[in-house]
Amino acid sequence: MTDHYMKGSVAPGEVYSLEELEAMPTLSQGQADDLKIDSGTVRIWLSRCGIEDGEPCDNKVTIEEYVDGRWVEVGWYEAL
């Protein structure tokens, strides 16, 4: 695994394959990401952008946690 595959706090239960994520309904769309999971305390976003758009990898998945009344990005990984 390289530095560019996963960064931050990503729990094993938060890691999904690209195929799994693409099969999930999009709950909401952000400027560049699709919200795939919202448990109320954890959100998982799949980026619609890639390396050519300035992302560190293609198929970037961002993990957010609800902390002290706000959403905080805690990690990301490349969905394979």
Protein backbone atom coordinates (compact mmCIF):
# COMPACT_ATOMS: atom_id res chain seq x y z
CA MET A 1 0.00 0.00 0.00
CA THR A 2 1.34 3.45 -0.90
CA ASP A 3 0.77 6.81 0.77
CA HIS A 4 -1.67 7.71 -1.94
CA TYR A 5 -4.04 4.81 -1.37
CA MET A 6 -5.36 5.70 2.11
CA LYS A 7 -4.92 8.59 4.53
CA GLY A 8 -6.36 9.49 7.89
CA SER A 9 -8.74 7.54 10.07
CA VAL A 10 -10.52 4.96 7.93
CA ALA A 11 -12.15 2.02 9.73
CA PRO A 12 -12.33 -1.37 8.00
CA GLY A 13 -16.15 -1.16 7.94
CA GLU A 14 -15.91 2.07 5.96
CA VAL A 15 -13.98 0.59 3.04
CA TYR A 16 -16.06 -0.34 0.00
CA SER A 17 -15.02 -1.39 -3.50
CA LEU A 18 -15.73 0.89 -6.44
CA GLU A 19 -18.28 -1.64 -7.69
CA GLU A 20 -20.12 -1.59 -4.34
CA LEU A 21 -20.16 2.20 -4.19
CA GLU A 22 -21.36 2.62 -7.78
CA ALA A 23 -24.22 0.17 -7.09
CA MET A 24 -25.44 2.26 -4.13
CA PRO A 25 -27.99 5.00 -4.68
CA THR A 26 -26.69 8.57 -4.51
CA LEU A 27 -28.35 10.18 -1.50
CA SER A 28 -27.16 13.70 -2.32
CA GLN A 29 -24.73 15.43 -4.66
CA GLY A 30 -22.06 17.85 -3.52
CA GLN A 31 -20.01 20.06 -5.81
CA ALA A 32 -17.69 17.20 -6.83
CA ASP A 33 -18.84 14.15 -4.81
CA ASP A 34 -21.82 11.81 -4.49
CA LEU A 35 -23.03 10.95 -0.98
CA LYS A 36 -23.35 7.16 -0.83
CA ILE A 37 -23.77 6.46 2.91
CA ASP A 38 -25.15 8.64 5.72
CA SER A 39 -25.53 6.82 9.04
CA GLY A 40 -26.14 10.03 10.98
CA THR A 41 -22.64 9.88 12.46
CA VAL A 42 -20.60 8.83 9.40
CA ARG A 43 -20.86 9.99 5.78
CA ILE A 44 -19.12 8.33 2.85
CA TRP A 45 -18.66 10.33 -0.37
CA LEU A 46 -17.46 9.10 -3.80
CA SER A 47 -15.71 11.75 -5.87
CA ARG A 48 -16.80 12.33 -9.46
CA CYS A 49 -13.34 13.84 -10.16
CA GLY A 50 -10.00 12.17 -10.76
CA ILE A 51 -6.29 12.84 -10.91
CA GLU A 52 -6.70 15.05 -13.97
CA ASP A 53 -9.03 17.28 -11.89
CA GLY A 54 -6.56 17.64 -9.02
CA GLU A 55 -7.61 14.73 -6.80
CA PRO A 56 -4.78 12.63 -5.27
CA CYS A 57 -6.22 9.51 -6.95
CA ASP A 58 -9.09 8.32 -9.12
CA ASN A 59 -12.23 7.08 -7.34
CA LYS A 60 -11.44 8.96 -4.12
CA VAL A 61 -13.74 8.08 -1.22
CA THR A 62 -13.97 10.64 1.60
CA ILE A 63 -15.02 9.71 5.13
CA GLU A 64 -16.67 12.32 7.36
CA GLU A 65 -17.69 11.96 11.01
CA TYR A 66 -20.12 14.11 12.96
CA VAL A 67 -18.06 15.66 15.77
CA ASP A 68 -19.21 18.39 18.17
CA GLY A 69 -22.12 19.41 15.96
CA ARG A 70 -20.29 19.53 12.64
CA TRP A 71 -19.09 17.23 9.87
CA VAL A 72 -15.31 16.68 9.87
CA GLU A 73 -13.29 14.91 7.17
CA VAL A 74 -11.33 12.17 8.95
CA GLY A 75 -9.83 10.25 6.05
CA TRP A 76 -9.96 9.10 2.46
CA TYR A 77 -9.01 6.14 0.31
CA GLU A 78 -8.97 5.07 -3.33
CA ALA A 79 -11.83 2.71 -4.18
CA LEU A 80 -10.55 -0.19 -6.27
